N, C-alpha and C. Protein backbone atom coordinates (compact mmCIF):
# COMPACT_ATOMS: atom_id res chain seq x y z
N MET A 1 25.63 55.45 44.93
CA MET A 1 25.65 54.31 45.81
C MET A 1 24.38 53.48 45.55
N LYS A 2 24.54 52.19 45.38
CA LYS A 2 23.43 51.28 45.11
C LYS A 2 22.66 50.97 46.39
N THR A 3 21.36 50.75 46.23
CA THR A 3 20.51 50.41 47.36
C THR A 3 19.95 49.00 47.19
N ILE A 4 20.07 48.22 48.24
CA ILE A 4 19.56 46.85 48.25
C ILE A 4 18.55 46.72 49.39
N MET A 5 17.39 46.13 49.07
CA MET A 5 16.39 45.85 50.09
C MET A 5 16.42 44.34 50.37
N ILE A 6 16.49 44.01 51.65
CA ILE A 6 16.47 42.61 52.07
C ILE A 6 15.09 42.32 52.65
N VAL A 7 14.43 41.30 52.11
CA VAL A 7 13.11 40.90 52.62
C VAL A 7 13.24 39.49 53.18
N ASP A 8 13.25 39.40 54.50
CA ASP A 8 13.43 38.11 55.18
C ASP A 8 12.91 38.25 56.60
N GLU A 9 12.26 37.22 57.10
CA GLU A 9 11.70 37.27 58.45
C GLU A 9 12.72 36.95 59.53
N ASP A 10 13.87 36.41 59.17
CA ASP A 10 14.89 36.01 60.14
C ASP A 10 15.83 37.19 60.42
N ARG A 11 15.66 37.79 61.58
CA ARG A 11 16.44 39.00 61.93
C ARG A 11 17.96 38.76 61.91
N ASP A 12 18.38 37.57 62.35
CA ASP A 12 19.81 37.27 62.37
C ASP A 12 20.39 37.25 60.96
N ILE A 13 19.68 36.61 60.05
CA ILE A 13 20.12 36.56 58.65
C ILE A 13 20.17 37.97 58.07
N VAL A 14 19.10 38.71 58.31
CA VAL A 14 19.03 40.08 57.79
C VAL A 14 20.20 40.91 58.30
N GLU A 15 20.47 40.83 59.59
CA GLU A 15 21.56 41.62 60.17
C GLU A 15 22.92 41.22 59.61
N ARG A 16 23.11 39.92 59.39
CA ARG A 16 24.40 39.45 58.84
C ARG A 16 24.59 39.97 57.42
N ILE A 17 23.55 39.84 56.60
CA ILE A 17 23.65 40.33 55.22
C ILE A 17 23.78 41.85 55.20
N LYS A 18 22.98 42.51 56.00
CA LYS A 18 23.02 43.98 56.06
C LYS A 18 24.40 44.48 56.47
N SER A 19 24.97 43.86 57.49
CA SER A 19 26.29 44.27 57.98
C SER A 19 27.34 44.16 56.87
N TYR A 20 27.31 43.04 56.16
CA TYR A 20 28.25 42.86 55.06
C TYR A 20 28.04 43.91 53.98
N LEU A 21 26.80 44.12 53.56
CA LEU A 21 26.52 45.07 52.48
C LEU A 21 26.92 46.49 52.85
N GLU A 22 26.68 46.87 54.09
CA GLU A 22 27.06 48.21 54.53
C GLU A 22 28.58 48.38 54.52
N LYS A 23 29.32 47.32 54.87
CA LYS A 23 30.79 47.38 54.80
C LYS A 23 31.25 47.59 53.36
N GLU A 24 30.46 47.10 52.42
CA GLU A 24 30.78 47.23 51.01
C GLU A 24 30.19 48.50 50.39
N ASP A 25 29.71 49.40 51.24
CA ASP A 25 29.19 50.72 50.85
C ASP A 25 27.88 50.69 50.06
N PHE A 26 27.02 49.74 50.36
CA PHE A 26 25.67 49.74 49.80
C PHE A 26 24.75 50.41 50.81
N ASN A 27 23.72 51.10 50.31
CA ASN A 27 22.62 51.51 51.16
C ASN A 27 21.76 50.28 51.33
N VAL A 28 21.28 50.04 52.53
CA VAL A 28 20.49 48.84 52.78
C VAL A 28 19.20 49.21 53.49
N SER A 29 18.10 48.68 52.97
CA SER A 29 16.84 48.78 53.69
C SER A 29 16.37 47.36 53.94
N VAL A 30 15.56 47.18 54.97
CA VAL A 30 15.11 45.84 55.32
C VAL A 30 13.61 45.83 55.54
N ALA A 31 13.04 44.67 55.31
CA ALA A 31 11.63 44.42 55.60
C ALA A 31 11.50 42.97 56.03
N GLN A 32 10.63 42.73 56.98
CA GLN A 32 10.44 41.35 57.43
C GLN A 32 9.31 40.66 56.69
N THR A 33 8.49 41.42 56.00
CA THR A 33 7.37 40.85 55.26
C THR A 33 7.27 41.54 53.90
N ASN A 34 6.55 40.88 53.01
CA ASN A 34 6.30 41.51 51.71
C ASN A 34 5.52 42.81 51.89
N ARG A 35 4.58 42.80 52.82
CA ARG A 35 3.77 44.00 53.05
C ARG A 35 4.66 45.19 53.42
N GLU A 36 5.60 44.99 54.34
CA GLU A 36 6.52 46.07 54.73
C GLU A 36 7.32 46.54 53.52
N ALA A 37 7.80 45.59 52.74
CA ALA A 37 8.59 45.94 51.57
C ALA A 37 7.76 46.73 50.56
N LEU A 38 6.56 46.25 50.30
CA LEU A 38 5.68 46.93 49.34
C LEU A 38 5.33 48.33 49.80
N GLU A 39 5.05 48.49 51.09
CA GLU A 39 4.73 49.82 51.60
C GLU A 39 5.89 50.78 51.40
N ALA A 40 7.10 50.33 51.67
CA ALA A 40 8.27 51.19 51.48
C ALA A 40 8.46 51.54 50.00
N LEU A 41 8.27 50.55 49.13
CA LEU A 41 8.42 50.80 47.70
C LEU A 41 7.33 51.72 47.16
N GLU A 42 6.10 51.53 47.64
CA GLU A 42 5.00 52.36 47.17
C GLU A 42 5.16 53.80 47.61
N LYS A 43 5.71 54.00 48.80
CA LYS A 43 5.96 55.36 49.30
C LYS A 43 7.11 56.00 48.54
N ASN A 44 7.82 55.16 47.78
CA ASN A 44 8.97 55.61 47.02
C ASN A 44 9.96 56.38 47.89
N GLU A 45 10.19 55.82 49.09
CA GLU A 45 11.11 56.44 50.03
C GLU A 45 12.53 56.47 49.48
N GLN A 46 12.83 55.54 48.62
CA GLN A 46 14.16 55.48 48.03
C GLN A 46 14.11 54.62 46.78
N ASN A 47 15.02 54.85 45.90
CA ASN A 47 15.14 53.96 44.74
C ASN A 47 15.88 52.72 45.18
N VAL A 48 15.32 51.58 44.87
CA VAL A 48 15.93 50.31 45.24
C VAL A 48 16.44 49.66 43.97
N ASP A 49 17.71 49.30 43.97
CA ASP A 49 18.32 48.67 42.81
C ASP A 49 18.06 47.18 42.77
N VAL A 50 18.09 46.54 43.95
CA VAL A 50 17.91 45.09 44.04
C VAL A 50 17.08 44.76 45.28
N ILE A 51 16.13 43.83 45.11
CA ILE A 51 15.39 43.28 46.24
C ILE A 51 15.87 41.85 46.42
N LEU A 52 16.45 41.57 47.58
CA LEU A 52 16.85 40.20 47.92
C LEU A 52 15.69 39.59 48.68
N LEU A 53 15.03 38.63 48.08
CA LEU A 53 13.78 38.08 48.60
C LEU A 53 13.95 36.65 49.08
N HIS A 54 13.67 36.43 50.35
CA HIS A 54 13.62 35.07 50.89
C HIS A 54 12.21 34.57 50.63
N SER A 55 12.07 33.58 49.78
CA SER A 55 10.74 33.20 49.30
C SER A 55 9.87 32.47 50.30
N THR A 56 10.40 32.14 51.46
CA THR A 56 9.53 31.51 52.44
C THR A 56 8.97 32.51 53.44
N VAL A 57 9.19 33.80 53.19
CA VAL A 57 8.53 34.82 54.00
C VAL A 57 7.04 34.65 53.73
N PRO A 58 6.21 34.65 54.78
CA PRO A 58 4.78 34.46 54.55
C PRO A 58 4.25 35.40 53.46
N GLY A 59 3.61 34.81 52.47
CA GLY A 59 3.04 35.59 51.38
C GLY A 59 4.05 35.99 50.32
N SER A 60 5.27 35.47 50.40
CA SER A 60 6.30 35.86 49.45
C SER A 60 6.02 35.33 48.07
N ASP A 61 6.22 36.19 47.13
CA ASP A 61 6.06 35.84 45.73
C ASP A 61 6.62 37.01 44.94
N GLU A 62 7.54 36.73 44.07
CA GLU A 62 8.12 37.81 43.27
C GLU A 62 7.05 38.59 42.53
N ASP A 63 5.97 37.92 42.15
CA ASP A 63 4.92 38.57 41.38
C ASP A 63 4.25 39.73 42.11
N VAL A 64 4.26 39.71 43.45
CA VAL A 64 3.61 40.82 44.15
C VAL A 64 4.36 42.12 43.95
N PHE A 65 5.64 42.04 43.62
CA PHE A 65 6.43 43.24 43.40
C PHE A 65 6.35 43.74 41.96
N THR A 66 5.90 42.89 41.05
CA THR A 66 5.91 43.21 39.63
C THR A 66 5.23 44.54 39.29
N PRO A 67 4.02 44.82 39.80
CA PRO A 67 3.39 46.10 39.43
C PRO A 67 4.20 47.32 39.86
N ILE A 68 4.94 47.19 40.94
CA ILE A 68 5.70 48.33 41.45
C ILE A 68 7.02 48.50 40.72
N VAL A 69 7.68 47.41 40.39
CA VAL A 69 9.02 47.51 39.81
C VAL A 69 9.05 47.38 38.30
N THR A 70 7.92 47.18 37.66
CA THR A 70 7.89 46.99 36.21
C THR A 70 8.54 48.13 35.46
N ASN A 71 8.31 49.34 35.88
CA ASN A 71 8.82 50.50 35.17
C ASN A 71 10.13 51.03 35.74
N THR A 72 10.79 50.22 36.51
CA THR A 72 12.07 50.63 37.08
C THR A 72 13.13 49.61 36.69
N LYS A 73 14.33 49.86 37.13
CA LYS A 73 15.42 48.93 36.87
C LYS A 73 15.68 48.02 38.07
N THR A 74 14.74 47.96 38.98
CA THR A 74 14.89 47.14 40.17
C THR A 74 14.90 45.66 39.81
N LYS A 75 15.90 44.95 40.31
CA LYS A 75 15.97 43.50 40.13
C LYS A 75 15.39 42.84 41.36
N ILE A 76 14.67 41.74 41.15
CA ILE A 76 14.18 40.94 42.26
C ILE A 76 14.93 39.62 42.21
N VAL A 77 15.64 39.31 43.29
CA VAL A 77 16.50 38.13 43.31
C VAL A 77 16.14 37.26 44.51
N SER A 78 15.79 36.01 44.25
CA SER A 78 15.55 35.07 45.34
C SER A 78 16.90 34.70 45.95
N ILE A 79 16.94 34.68 47.26
CA ILE A 79 18.20 34.32 47.93
C ILE A 79 18.18 32.89 48.45
N ASP A 80 17.11 32.16 48.16
CA ASP A 80 16.98 30.80 48.70
C ASP A 80 17.95 29.81 48.07
N LYS A 81 17.99 29.75 46.77
CA LYS A 81 18.83 28.74 46.11
C LYS A 81 20.30 29.14 46.06
N PRO A 82 20.62 30.39 45.69
CA PRO A 82 22.04 30.72 45.57
C PRO A 82 22.77 30.87 46.90
N LEU A 83 22.04 31.16 47.97
CA LEU A 83 22.69 31.37 49.27
C LEU A 83 22.09 30.44 50.32
N SER A 84 22.95 29.77 51.05
CA SER A 84 22.44 28.98 52.17
C SER A 84 22.20 29.94 53.33
N ARG A 85 21.41 29.52 54.27
CA ARG A 85 21.12 30.35 55.45
C ARG A 85 22.37 30.54 56.31
N THR A 86 23.40 29.75 56.07
CA THR A 86 24.64 29.85 56.84
C THR A 86 25.82 30.23 55.95
N CYS A 87 25.56 30.94 54.88
CA CYS A 87 26.63 31.28 53.93
C CYS A 87 27.73 32.09 54.60
N THR A 88 28.91 31.96 54.05
CA THR A 88 30.05 32.72 54.56
C THR A 88 30.03 34.11 53.93
N GLU A 89 30.83 34.98 54.48
CA GLU A 89 30.94 36.33 53.91
C GLU A 89 31.50 36.27 52.49
N GLU A 90 32.40 35.36 52.24
CA GLU A 90 32.96 35.20 50.90
C GLU A 90 31.89 34.76 49.90
N GLU A 91 31.04 33.83 50.30
CA GLU A 91 29.94 33.39 49.42
C GLU A 91 28.97 34.54 49.15
N LEU A 92 28.71 35.31 50.16
CA LEU A 92 27.83 36.47 50.00
C LEU A 92 28.45 37.50 49.05
N LYS A 93 29.74 37.70 49.21
CA LYS A 93 30.47 38.64 48.34
C LYS A 93 30.36 38.20 46.88
N GLU A 94 30.58 36.93 46.59
CA GLU A 94 30.49 36.42 45.23
C GLU A 94 29.08 36.54 44.68
N PHE A 95 28.09 36.25 45.50
CA PHE A 95 26.69 36.37 45.10
C PHE A 95 26.35 37.81 44.71
N ILE A 96 26.75 38.75 45.54
CA ILE A 96 26.46 40.17 45.27
C ILE A 96 27.15 40.63 43.99
N LYS A 97 28.38 40.19 43.78
CA LYS A 97 29.09 40.54 42.54
C LYS A 97 28.32 40.07 41.33
N LYS A 98 27.77 38.86 41.38
CA LYS A 98 27.04 38.29 40.26
C LYS A 98 25.76 39.06 39.95
N ILE A 99 25.06 39.50 40.96
CA ILE A 99 23.77 40.14 40.71
C ILE A 99 23.86 41.62 40.43
N MET A 100 24.97 42.22 40.76
CA MET A 100 25.12 43.66 40.52
C MET A 100 25.71 43.87 39.15
């Protein structure tokens, strides 16, 4: 089972994406800040296949994850351009298909 981490400060968005991903049998972890995400990754609590990163999270920058994910197969994907904040479940489904 693939694991996706969602990094976004908007709890409603996170819950909507998380709910959809869990219905599709993904393991999902969430973080509201880069710091939370980095701490979870550094603790290596789980292998993360994809990080969905909302780039307007304070301090967000894909580069902060680079040292941690360089030696793994973890993908870092910005969700700002491909997904609107009000995307439908169908749009989310297509987006996930493309990145997996």
